[in-house]
Structure formats: structure tokens, C-alpha cells
PDB file of N, CA and C in Angstrom:
ATOM      1  N   MET A   1       0.842  -1.187   0.000  1.00  0.00           N
ATOM      2  CA  MET A   1       0.000   0.000   0.000  1.00  0.00           C
ATOM      3  C   MET A   1       0.887   1.250   0.000  1.00  0.00           C
ATOM      4  N   ARG A   2       0.533   2.204  -0.800  1.00  0.00           N
ATOM      5  CA  ARG A   2       1.285   3.446  -0.918  1.00  0.00           C
ATOM      6  C   ARG A   2       1.036   4.364   0.262  1.00  0.00           C
ATOM      7  N   THR A   3       2.102   4.984   0.741  1.00  0.00           N
ATOM      8  CA  THR A   3       1.952   5.973   1.798  1.00  0.00           C
ATOM      9  C   THR A   3       1.445   7.268   1.182  1.00  0.00           C
ATOM     10  N   GLU A   4       0.862   8.091   2.002  1.00  0.00           N
ATOM     11  CA  GLU A   4       0.377   9.388   1.514  1.00  0.00           C
ATOM     12  C   GLU A   4       1.542  10.243   1.021  1.00  0.00           C
ATOM     13  N   ALA A   5       2.692  10.131   1.688  1.00  0.00           N
ATOM     14  CA  ALA A   5       3.871  10.902   1.268  1.00  0.00           C
ATOM     15  C   ALA A   5       4.323  10.490  -0.126  1.00  0.00           C
ATOM     16  N   LEU A   6       4.280   9.198  -0.431  1.00  0.00           N
ATOM     17  CA  LEU A   6       4.672   8.731  -1.761  1.00  0.00           C
ATOM     18  C   LEU A   6       3.669   9.179  -2.818  1.00  0.00           C
ATOM     19  N   LYS A   7       2.387   9.155  -2.484  1.00  0.00           N
ATOM     20  CA  LYS A   7       1.367   9.656  -3.407  1.00  0.00           C
ATOM     21  C   LYS A   7       1.587  11.147  -3.687  1.00  0.00           C
ATOM     22  N   GLU A   8       1.896  11.905  -2.660  1.00  0.00           N
ATOM     23  CA  GLU A   8       2.164  13.336  -2.824  1.00  0.00           C
ATOM     24  C   GLU A   8       3.398  13.553  -3.702  1.00  0.00           C
ATOM     25  N   PHE A   9       4.417  12.739  -3.494  1.00  0.00           N
ATOM     26  CA  PHE A   9       5.637  12.811  -4.308  1.00  0.00           C
ATOM     27  C   PHE A   9       5.306  12.583  -5.787  1.00  0.00           C
ATOM     28  N   ILE A  10       4.474  11.600  -6.066  1.00  0.00           N
ATOM     29  CA  ILE A  10       4.077  11.324  -7.450  1.00  0.00           C
ATOM     30  C   ILE A  10       3.292  12.495  -8.024  1.00  0.00           C
ATOM     31  N   ARG A  11       2.377  13.064  -7.236  1.00  0.00           N
ATOM     32  CA  ARG A  11       1.615  14.233  -7.707  1.00  0.00           C
ATOM     33  C   ARG A  11       2.542  15.417  -7.991  1.00  0.00           C
ATOM     34  N   GLU A  12       3.501  15.657  -7.096  1.00  0.00           N
ATOM     35  CA  GLU A  12       4.430  16.785  -7.267  1.00  0.00           C
ATOM     36  C   GLU A  12       5.294  16.622  -8.511  1.00  0.00           C
ATOM     37  N   ASN A  13       5.566  15.393  -8.892  1.00  0.00           N
ATOM     38  CA  ASN A  13       6.422  15.129 -10.049  1.00  0.00           C
ATOM     39  C   ASN A  13       5.620  14.588 -11.228  1.00  0.00           C
ATOM     40  N   GLY A  14       4.361  14.949 -11.277  1.00  0.00           N
ATOM     41  CA  GLY A  14       3.460  14.473 -12.322  1.00  0.00           C
ATOM     42  C   GLY A  14       3.907  14.814 -13.727  1.00  0.00           C
ATOM     43  N   ASN A  15       4.685  15.868 -13.877  1.00  0.00           N
ATOM     44  CA  ASN A  15       5.166  16.239 -15.206  1.00  0.00           C
ATOM     45  C   ASN A  15       6.062  15.158 -15.814  1.00  0.00           C
ATOM     46  N   LEU A  16       6.682  14.329 -14.981  1.00  0.00           N
ATOM     47  CA  LEU A  16       7.509  13.241 -15.501  1.00  0.00           C
ATOM     48  C   LEU A  16       6.660  12.068 -16.008  1.00  0.00           C
ATOM     49  N   PHE A  17       5.392  12.050 -15.607  1.00  0.00           N
ATOM     50  CA  PHE A  17       4.465  10.993 -16.019  1.00  0.00           C
ATOM     51  C   PHE A  17       3.443  11.560 -17.004  1.00  0.00           C
ATOM     52  N   TRP A  18       3.901  12.341 -17.971  1.00  0.00           N
ATOM     53  CA  TRP A  18       3.048  13.062 -18.900  1.00  0.00           C
ATOM     54  C   TRP A  18       2.147  12.133 -19.692  1.00  0.00           C
ATOM     55  N   TYR A  19       2.548  10.889 -19.870  1.00  0.00           N
ATOM     56  CA  TYR A  19       1.803   9.939 -20.690  1.00  0.00           C
ATOM     57  C   TYR A  19       0.717   9.204 -19.889  1.00  0.00           C
ATOM     58  N   THR A  20       0.647   9.481 -18.585  1.00  0.00           N
ATOM     59  CA  THR A  20      -0.333   8.834 -17.712  1.00  0.00           C
ATOM     60  C   THR A  20      -1.463   9.814 -17.433  1.00  0.00           C
ATOM     61  N   PRO A  21      -2.707   9.397 -17.585  1.00  0.00           N
ATOM     62  CA  PRO A  21      -3.819  10.307 -17.259  1.00  0.00           C
ATOM     63  C   PRO A  21      -3.681  10.816 -15.822  1.00  0.00           C
ATOM     64  N   GLU A  22      -4.011  12.071 -15.623  1.00  0.00           N
ATOM     65  CA  GLU A  22      -3.805  12.713 -14.323  1.00  0.00           C
ATOM     66  C   GLU A  22      -4.474  11.956 -13.181  1.00  0.00           C
ATOM     67  N   ASP A  23      -5.669  11.426 -13.412  1.00  0.00           N
ATOM     68  CA  ASP A  23      -6.368  10.714 -12.341  1.00  0.00           C
ATOM     69  C   ASP A  23      -5.765   9.339 -12.052  1.00  0.00           C
ATOM     70  N   LYS A  24      -4.860   8.851 -12.899  1.00  0.00           N
ATOM     71  CA  LYS A  24      -4.214   7.553 -12.704  1.00  0.00           C
ATOM     72  C   LYS A  24      -2.773   7.691 -12.220  1.00  0.00           C
ATOM     73  N   GLY A  25      -2.281   8.908 -12.079  1.00  0.00           N
ATOM     74  CA  GLY A  25      -0.884   9.138 -11.733  1.00  0.00           C
ATOM     75  C   GLY A  25      -0.429   8.447 -10.467  1.00  0.00           C
ATOM     76  N   GLU A  26      -1.244   8.474  -9.431  1.00  0.00           N
ATOM     77  CA  GLU A  26      -0.857   7.867  -8.159  1.00  0.00           C
ATOM     78  C   GLU A  26      -0.837   6.346  -8.235  1.00  0.00           C
ATOM     79  N   LYS A  27      -1.399   5.798  -9.280  1.00  0.00           N
ATOM     80  CA  LYS A  27      -1.511   4.346  -9.389  1.00  0.00           C
ATOM     81  C   LYS A  27      -0.440   3.725 -10.268  1.00  0.00           C
ATOM     82  N   VAL A  28       0.571   4.508 -10.671  1.00  0.00           N
ATOM     83  CA  VAL A  28       1.651   3.923 -11.461  1.00  0.00           C
ATOM     84  C   VAL A  28       2.329   2.843 -10.622  1.00  0.00           C
ATOM     85  N   THR A  29       2.849   1.834 -11.288  1.00  0.00           N
ATOM     86  CA  THR A  29       3.509   0.751 -10.566  1.00  0.00           C
ATOM     87  C   THR A  29       4.825   1.242  -9.968  1.00  0.00           C
ATOM     88  N   ASP A  30       5.298   0.523  -8.980  1.00  0.00           N
ATOM     89  CA  ASP A  30       6.594   0.862  -8.391  1.00  0.00           C
ATOM     90  C   ASP A  30       7.696   0.767  -9.438  1.00  0.00           C
ATOM     91  N   GLU A  31       7.594  -0.216 -10.326  1.00  0.00           N
ATOM     92  CA  GLU A  31       8.595  -0.383 -11.379  1.00  0.00           C
ATOM     93  C   GLU A  31       8.640   0.844 -12.289  1.00  0.00           C
ATOM     94  N   LEU A  32       7.461   1.327 -12.675  1.00  0.00           N
ATOM     95  CA  LEU A  32       7.404   2.508 -13.536  1.00  0.00           C
ATOM     96  C   LEU A  32       7.873   3.755 -12.795  1.00  0.00           C
ATOM     97  N   LEU A  33       7.527   3.865 -11.531  1.00  0.00           N
ATOM     98  CA  LEU A  33       7.960   5.000 -10.721  1.00  0.00           C
ATOM     99  C   LEU A  33       9.481   5.050 -10.638  1.00  0.00           C
ATOM    100  N   VAL A  34      10.099   3.927 -10.302  1.00  0.00           N
ATOM    101  CA  VAL A  34      11.561   3.882 -10.180  1.00  0.00           C
ATOM    102  C   VAL A  34      12.215   4.146 -11.523  1.00  0.00           C
ATOM    103  N   GLU A  35      11.729   3.499 -12.573  1.00  0.00           N
ATOM    104  CA  GLU A  35      12.293   3.685 -13.904  1.00  0.00           C
ATOM    105  C   GLU A  35      12.238   5.150 -14.338  1.00  0.00           C
ATOM    106  N   THR A  36      11.102   5.769 -14.166  1.00  0.00           N
ATOM    107  CA  THR A  36      10.928   7.168 -14.578  1.00  0.00           C
ATOM    108  C   THR A  36      11.825   8.088 -13.775  1.00  0.00           C
ATOM    109  N   MET A  37      11.874   7.898 -12.466  1.00  0.00           N
ATOM    110  CA  MET A  37      12.678   8.788 -11.630  1.00  0.00           C
ATOM    111  C   MET A  37      14.166   8.617 -11.909  1.00  0.00           C
ATOM    112  N   LEU A  38      14.636   7.380 -12.086  1.00  0.00           N
ATOM    113  CA  LEU A  38      16.066   7.172 -12.347  1.00  0.00           C
ATOM    114  C   LEU A  38      16.460   7.670 -13.734  1.00  0.00           C
ATOM    115  N   ASN A  39      15.568   7.548 -14.703  1.00  0.00           N
ATOM    116  CA  ASN A  39      15.871   8.011 -16.059  1.00  0.00           C
ATOM    117  C   ASN A  39      15.762   9.527 -16.206  1.00  0.00           C
ATOM    118  N   TYR A  40      14.748  10.136 -15.597  1.00  0.00           N
ATOM    119  CA  TYR A  40      14.432  11.530 -15.885  1.00  0.00           C
ATOM    120  C   TYR A  40      14.496  12.468 -14.683  1.00  0.00           C
ATOM    121  N   GLY A  41      14.555  11.914 -13.483  1.00  0.00           N
ATOM    122  CA  GLY A  41      14.507  12.748 -12.287  1.00  0.00           C
ATOM    123  C   GLY A  41      15.816  13.481 -12.017  1.00  0.00           C
ATOM    124  N   SER A  42      15.687  14.572 -11.282  1.00  0.00           N
ATOM    125  CA  SER A  42      16.879  15.304 -10.843  1.00  0.00           C
ATOM    126  C   SER A  42      17.486  14.584  -9.645  1.00  0.00           C
ATOM    127  N   LEU A  43      18.670  14.984  -9.251  1.00  0.00           N
ATOM    128  CA  LEU A  43      19.294  14.383  -8.072  1.00  0.00           C
ATOM    129  C   LEU A  43      18.422  14.547  -6.835  1.00  0.00           C
ATOM    130  N   GLU A  44      17.782  15.697  -6.710  1.00  0.00           N
ATOM    131  CA  GLU A  44      16.917  15.949  -5.556  1.00  0.00           C
ATOM    132  C   GLU A  44      15.696  15.025  -5.580  1.00  0.00           C
ATOM    133  N   GLN A  45      15.137  14.819  -6.758  1.00  0.00           N
ATOM    134  CA  GLN A  45      13.979  13.944  -6.885  1.00  0.00           C
ATOM    135  C   GLN A  45      14.356  12.486  -6.588  1.00  0.00           C
ATOM    136  N   ILE A  46      15.507  12.070  -7.056  1.00  0.00           N
ATOM    137  CA  ILE A  46      15.963  10.700  -6.804  1.00  0.00           C
ATOM    138  C   ILE A  46      16.248  10.506  -5.321  1.00  0.00           C
ATOM    139  N   GLN A  47      16.869  11.489  -4.679  1.00  0.00           N
ATOM    140  CA  GLN A  47      17.120  11.401  -3.239  1.00  0.00           C
ATOM    141  C   GLN A  47      15.803  11.321  -2.462  1.00  0.00           C
ATOM    142  N   ALA A  48      14.820  12.089  -2.881  1.00  0.00           N
ATOM    143  CA  ALA A  48      13.508  12.043  -2.233  1.00  0.00           C
ATOM    144  C   ALA A  48      12.870  10.664  -2.407  1.00  0.00           C
ATOM    145  N   LEU A  49      13.037  10.069  -3.583  1.00  0.00           N
ATOM    146  CA  LEU A  49      12.527   8.712  -3.815  1.00  0.00           C
ATOM    147  C   LEU A  49      13.197   7.726  -2.860  1.00  0.00           C
ATOM    148  N   PHE A  50      14.516   7.824  -2.707  1.00  0.00           N
ATOM    149  CA  PHE A  50      15.241   6.957  -1.768  1.00  0.00           C
ATOM    150  C   PHE A  50      14.730   7.154  -0.350  1.00  0.00           C
ATOM    151  N   ASP A  51      14.477   8.398   0.027  1.00  0.00           N
ATOM    152  CA  ASP A  51      13.985   8.682   1.381  1.00  0.00           C
ATOM    153  C   ASP A  51      12.604   8.081   1.612  1.00  0.00           C
ATOM    154  N   LEU A  52      11.759   8.145   0.588  1.00  0.00           N
ATOM    155  CA  LEU A  52      10.383   7.664   0.722  1.00  0.00           C
ATOM    156  C   LEU A  52      10.264   6.141   0.632  1.00  0.00           C
ATOM    157  N   MET A  53      10.983   5.542  -0.304  1.00  0.00           N
ATOM    158  CA  MET A  53      10.846   4.103  -0.534  1.00  0.00           C
ATOM    159  C   MET A  53      11.937   3.283   0.144  1.00  0.00           C
ATOM    160  N   GLY A  54      13.060   3.909   0.404  1.00  0.00           N
ATOM    161  CA  GLY A  54      14.204   3.194   0.955  1.00  0.00           C
ATOM    162  C   GLY A  54      15.150   2.788  -0.157  1.00  0.00           C
ATOM    163  N   LEU A  55      16.426   2.955   0.091  1.00  0.00           N
ATOM    164  CA  LEU A  55      17.445   2.658  -0.913  1.00  0.00           C
ATOM    165  C   LEU A  55      17.412   1.188  -1.333  1.00  0.00           C
ATOM    166  N   LYS A  56      17.275   0.295  -0.387  1.00  0.00           N
ATOM    167  CA  LYS A  56      17.266  -1.143  -0.709  1.00  0.00           C
ATOM    168  C   LYS A  56      16.050  -1.523  -1.556  1.00  0.00           C
ATOM    169  N   GLU A  57      14.906  -0.947  -1.248  1.00  0.00           N
ATOM    170  CA  GLU A  57      13.687  -1.242  -2.019  1.00  0.00           C
ATOM    171  C   GLU A  57      13.830  -0.746  -3.457  1.00  0.00           C
ATOM    172  N   VAL A  58      14.343   0.466  -3.635  1.00  0.00           N
ATOM    173  CA  VAL A  58      14.545   1.003  -4.990  1.00  0.00           C
ATOM    174  C   VAL A  58      15.546   0.131  -5.742  1.00  0.00           C
ATOM    175  N   ALA A  59      16.615  -0.287  -5.063  1.00  0.00           N
ATOM    176  CA  ALA A  59      17.623  -1.146  -5.698  1.00  0.00           C
ATOM    177  C   ALA A  59      17.017  -2.480  -6.126  1.00  0.00           C
ATOM    178  N   GLU A  60      16.195  -3.082  -5.277  1.00  0.00           N
ATOM    179  CA  GLU A  60      15.553  -4.353  -5.624  1.00  0.00           C
ATOM    180  C   GLU A  60      14.661  -4.205  -6.845  1.00  0.00           C
ATOM    181  N   ILE A  61      13.890  -3.140  -6.882  1.00  0.00           N
ATOM    182  CA  ILE A  61      13.004  -2.899  -8.031  1.00  0.00           C
ATOM    183  C   ILE A  61      13.828  -2.684  -9.291  1.00  0.00           C
ATOM    184  N   PHE A  62      14.890  -1.905  -9.187  1.00  0.00           N
ATOM    185  CA  PHE A  62      15.770  -1.626 -10.324  1.00  0.00           C
ATOM    186  C   PHE A  62      16.374  -2.921 -10.870  1.00  0.00           C
ATOM    187  N   PHE A  63      16.994  -3.718  -9.995  1.00  0.00           N
ATOM    188  CA  PHE A  63      17.643  -4.942 -10.449  1.00  0.00           C
ATOM    189  C   PHE A  63      16.635  -5.952 -10.994  1.00  0.00           C
ATOM    190  N   HIS A  64      15.476  -6.031 -10.381  1.00  0.00           N
ATOM    191  CA  HIS A  64      14.440  -6.932 -10.891  1.00  0.00           C
ATOM    192  C   HIS A  64      14.040  -6.512 -12.302  1.00  0.00           C
ATOM    193  N   SER A  65      13.856  -5.217 -12.508  1.00  0.00           N
ATOM    194  CA  SER A  65      13.438  -4.712 -13.820  1.00  0.00           C
ATOM    195  C   SER A  65      14.484  -4.964 -14.891  1.00  0.00           C
ATOM    196  N   ILE A  66      15.743  -4.681 -14.603  1.00  0.00           N
ATOM    197  CA  ILE A  66      16.762  -4.827 -15.656  1.00  0.00           C
ATOM    198  C   ILE A  66      17.112  -6.281 -15.914  1.00  0.00           C
ATOM    199  N   ASN A  67      16.834  -7.157 -14.957  1.00  0.00           N
ATOM    200  CA  ASN A  67      17.123  -8.576 -15.160  1.00  0.00           C
ATOM    201  C   ASN A  67      15.931  -9.352 -15.701  1.00  0.00           C
ATOM    202  N   LEU A  68      14.774  -8.712 -15.758  1.00  0.00           N
ATOM    203  CA  LEU A  68      13.558  -9.379 -16.205  1.00  0.00           C
ATOM    204  C   LEU A  68      13.654  -9.787 -17.670  1.00  0.00           C
ATOM    205  N   SER A  69      14.062  -8.859 -18.509  1.00  0.00           N
ATOM    206  CA  SER A  69      14.216  -9.152 -19.931  1.00  0.00           C
ATOM    207  C   SER A  69      15.046  -8.047 -20.570  1.00  0.00           C
ATOM    208  N   GLU A  70      15.547  -8.338 -21.737  1.00  0.00           N
ATOM    209  CA  GLU A  70      16.333  -7.339 -22.469  1.00  0.00           C
ATOM    210  C   GLU A  70      15.451  -6.148 -22.834  1.00  0.00           C
ATOM    211  N   ARG A  71      14.183  -6.415 -23.132  1.00  0.00           N
ATOM    212  CA  ARG A  71      13.264  -5.326 -23.476  1.00  0.00           C
ATOM    213  C   ARG A  71      13.103  -4.361 -22.304  1.00  0.00           C
ATOM    214  N   ARG A  72      12.888  -4.904 -21.108  1.00  0.00           N
ATOM    215  CA  ARG A  72      12.734  -4.041 -19.925  1.00  0.00           C
ATOM    216  C   ARG A  72      14.029  -3.285 -19.646  1.00  0.00           C
ATOM    217  N   ARG A  73      15.152  -3.953 -19.824  1.00  0.00           N
ATOM    218  CA  ARG A  73      16.433  -3.301 -19.591  1.00  0.00           C
ATOM    219  C   ARG A  73      16.586  -2.104 -20.526  1.00  0.00           C
ATOM    220  N   ASN A  74      16.076  -2.237 -21.743  1.00  0.00           N
ATOM    221  CA  ASN A  74      16.204  -1.159 -22.711  1.00  0.00           C
ATOM    222  C   ASN A  74      15.288   0.019 -22.415  1.00  0.00           C
ATOM    223  N   ASN A  75      14.401  -0.106 -21.444  1.00  0.00           N
ATOM    224  CA  ASN A  75      13.596   1.028 -21.026  1.00  0.00           C
ATOM    225  C   ASN A  75      14.444   2.037 -20.255  1.00  0.00           C
ATOM    226  N   TYR A  76      15.547   1.577 -19.698  1.00  0.00           N
ATOM    227  CA  TYR A  76      16.484   2.462 -19.001  1.00  0.00           C
ATOM    228  C   TYR A  76      17.539   2.930 -19.991  1.00  0.00           C
ATOM    229  N   PHE A  77      17.980   4.166 -19.829  1.00  0.00           N
ATOM    230  CA  PHE A  77      19.096   4.647 -20.636  1.00  0.00           C
ATOM    231  C   PHE A  77      20.348   3.877 -20.229  1.00  0.00           C
ATOM    232  N   GLU A  78      21.220   3.623 -21.184  1.00  0.00           N
ATOM    233  CA  GLU A  78      22.438   2.861 -20.903  1.00  0.00           C
ATOM    234  C   GLU A  78      23.285   3.484 -19.778  1.00  0.00           C
ATOM    235  N   PRO A  79      23.509   4.813 -19.797  1.00  0.00           N
ATOM    236  CA  PRO A  79      24.269   5.403 -18.686  1.00  0.00           C
ATOM    237  C   PRO A  79      23.557   5.246 -17.333  1.00  0.00           C
ATOM    238  N   THR A  80      22.217   5.248 -17.350  1.00  0.00           N
ATOM    239  CA  THR A  80      21.455   5.066 -16.112  1.00  0.00           C
ATOM    240  C   THR A  80      21.687   3.668 -15.555  1.00  0.00           C
ATOM    241  N   VAL A  81      21.628   2.656 -16.408  1.00  0.00           N
ATOM    242  CA  VAL A  81      21.866   1.282 -15.969  1.00  0.00           C
ATOM    243  C   VAL A  81      23.273   1.162 -15.405  1.00  0.00           C
ATOM    244  N   ASN A  82      24.249   1.694 -16.106  1.00  0.00           N
ATOM    245  CA  ASN A  82      25.633   1.604 -15.653  1.00  0.00           C
ATOM    246  C   ASN A  82      25.822   2.292 -14.302  1.00  0.00           C
ATOM    247  N   TYR A  83      25.373   3.526 -14.205  1.00  0.00           N
ATOM    248  CA  TYR A  83      25.579   4.290 -12.980  1.00  0.00           C
ATOM    249  C   TYR A  83      24.888   3.643 -11.790  1.00  0.00           C
ATOM    250  N   PHE A  84      23.602   3.340 -11.936  1.00  0.00           N
ATOM    251  CA  PHE A  84      22.856   2.825 -10.788  1.00  0.00           C
ATOM    252  C   PHE A  84      23.219   1.378 -10.450  1.00  0.00           C
ATOM    253  N   THR A  85      23.705   0.609 -11.409  1.00  0.00           N
ATOM    254  CA  THR A  85      24.229  -0.715 -11.073  1.00  0.00           C
ATOM    255  C   THR A  85      25.425  -0.569 -10.135  1.00  0.00           C
ATOM    256  N   LEU A  86      26.350   0.310 -10.493  1.00  0.00           N
ATOM    257  CA  LEU A  86      27.512   0.558  -9.635  1.00  0.00           C
ATOM    258  C   LEU A  86      27.100   1.158  -8.295  1.00  0.00           C
ATOM    259  N   PHE A  87      26.201   2.130  -8.326  1.00  0.00           N
ATOM    260  CA  PHE A  87      25.759   2.822  -7.114  1.00  0.00           C
ATOM    261  C   PHE A  87      25.081   1.856  -6.142  1.00  0.00           C
ATOM    262  N   PHE A  88      24.112   1.092  -6.638  1.00  0.00           N
ATOM    263  CA  PHE A  88      23.378   0.186  -5.757  1.00  0.00           C
ATOM    264  C   PHE A  88      24.264  -0.963  -5.258  1.00  0.00           C
ATOM    265  N   ASN A  89      25.168  -1.453  -6.108  1.00  0.00           N
ATOM    266  CA  ASN A  89      26.078  -2.498  -5.640  1.00  0.00           C
ATOM    267  C   ASN A  89      26.955  -2.008  -4.497  1.00  0.00           C
ATOM    268  N   ARG A  90      27.279  -0.755  -4.527  1.00  0.00           N
ATOM    269  CA  ARG A  90      28.124  -0.202  -3.469  1.00  0.00           C
ATOM    270  C   ARG A  90      27.346   0.184  -2.214  1.00  0.00           C
ATOM    271  N   TYR A  91      26.198   0.818  -2.377  1.00  0.00           N
ATOM    272  CA  TYR A  91      25.504   1.408  -1.233  1.00  0.00           C
ATOM    273  C   TYR A  91      24.253   0.668  -0.755  1.00  0.00           C
ATOM    274  N   ALA A  92      23.726  -0.232  -1.568  1.00  0.00           N
ATOM    275  CA  ALA A  92      22.481  -0.884  -1.154  1.00  0.00           C
ATOM    276  C   ALA A  92      22.688  -2.335  -0.704  1.00  0.00           C
ATOM    277  N   ASN A  93      23.885  -2.828  -0.816  1.00  0.00           N
ATOM    278  CA  ASN A  93      24.132  -4.220  -0.413  1.00  0.00           C
ATOM    279  C   ASN A  93      24.842  -4.296   0.909  1.00  0.00           C
TER     280      ASN A  93
END
């Protein structure tokens, strides 16, 4: 279940979810939330995501997504995959 703080975070950053109808924004999956924030979010937005969801939870979602299939992995920018693979291996394990 989503916390109210996480729902507010999604509403505040709704411009990153431009392709999602406004009334469905809070219902984006955790996978889509993490993918969008890591690909397009600012450092402040990513830090806020870590604070709200927890670094380990974001890392688990990230690794699950990129290991699921080559297609899902390609949803992330190559530099994003490289950077966050190194980052999470160092700080989330």
C-alpha cells in the first residue's frame, strides 16, 4: 500500500508521467515510478525517492526490472543502468 507521502511525491512530479492520465498518476507501478525517476529525475527527486521508498527497495526494483528481460532493460538509458548498477552495488548491499 502506498503511503500518503509517496502519493504526494508522485503528484508533485506528475510532469515526468506526462503519458499517464492525471487521475491515474498515483496508481503507477513501483517499477514505472523507479524507472521514470532514475531516467528523468533530478538528483533531488531521486534522493527524495530513496527517502520515501528506501534505498534497498529502490535497488531491488531496479535490479528486478533490468534482469527481467532485455526489453525491460532497454527502457532504461544505458548510462542510467551503468551508474545505478555501480551505485546500488556499493551502497544498497
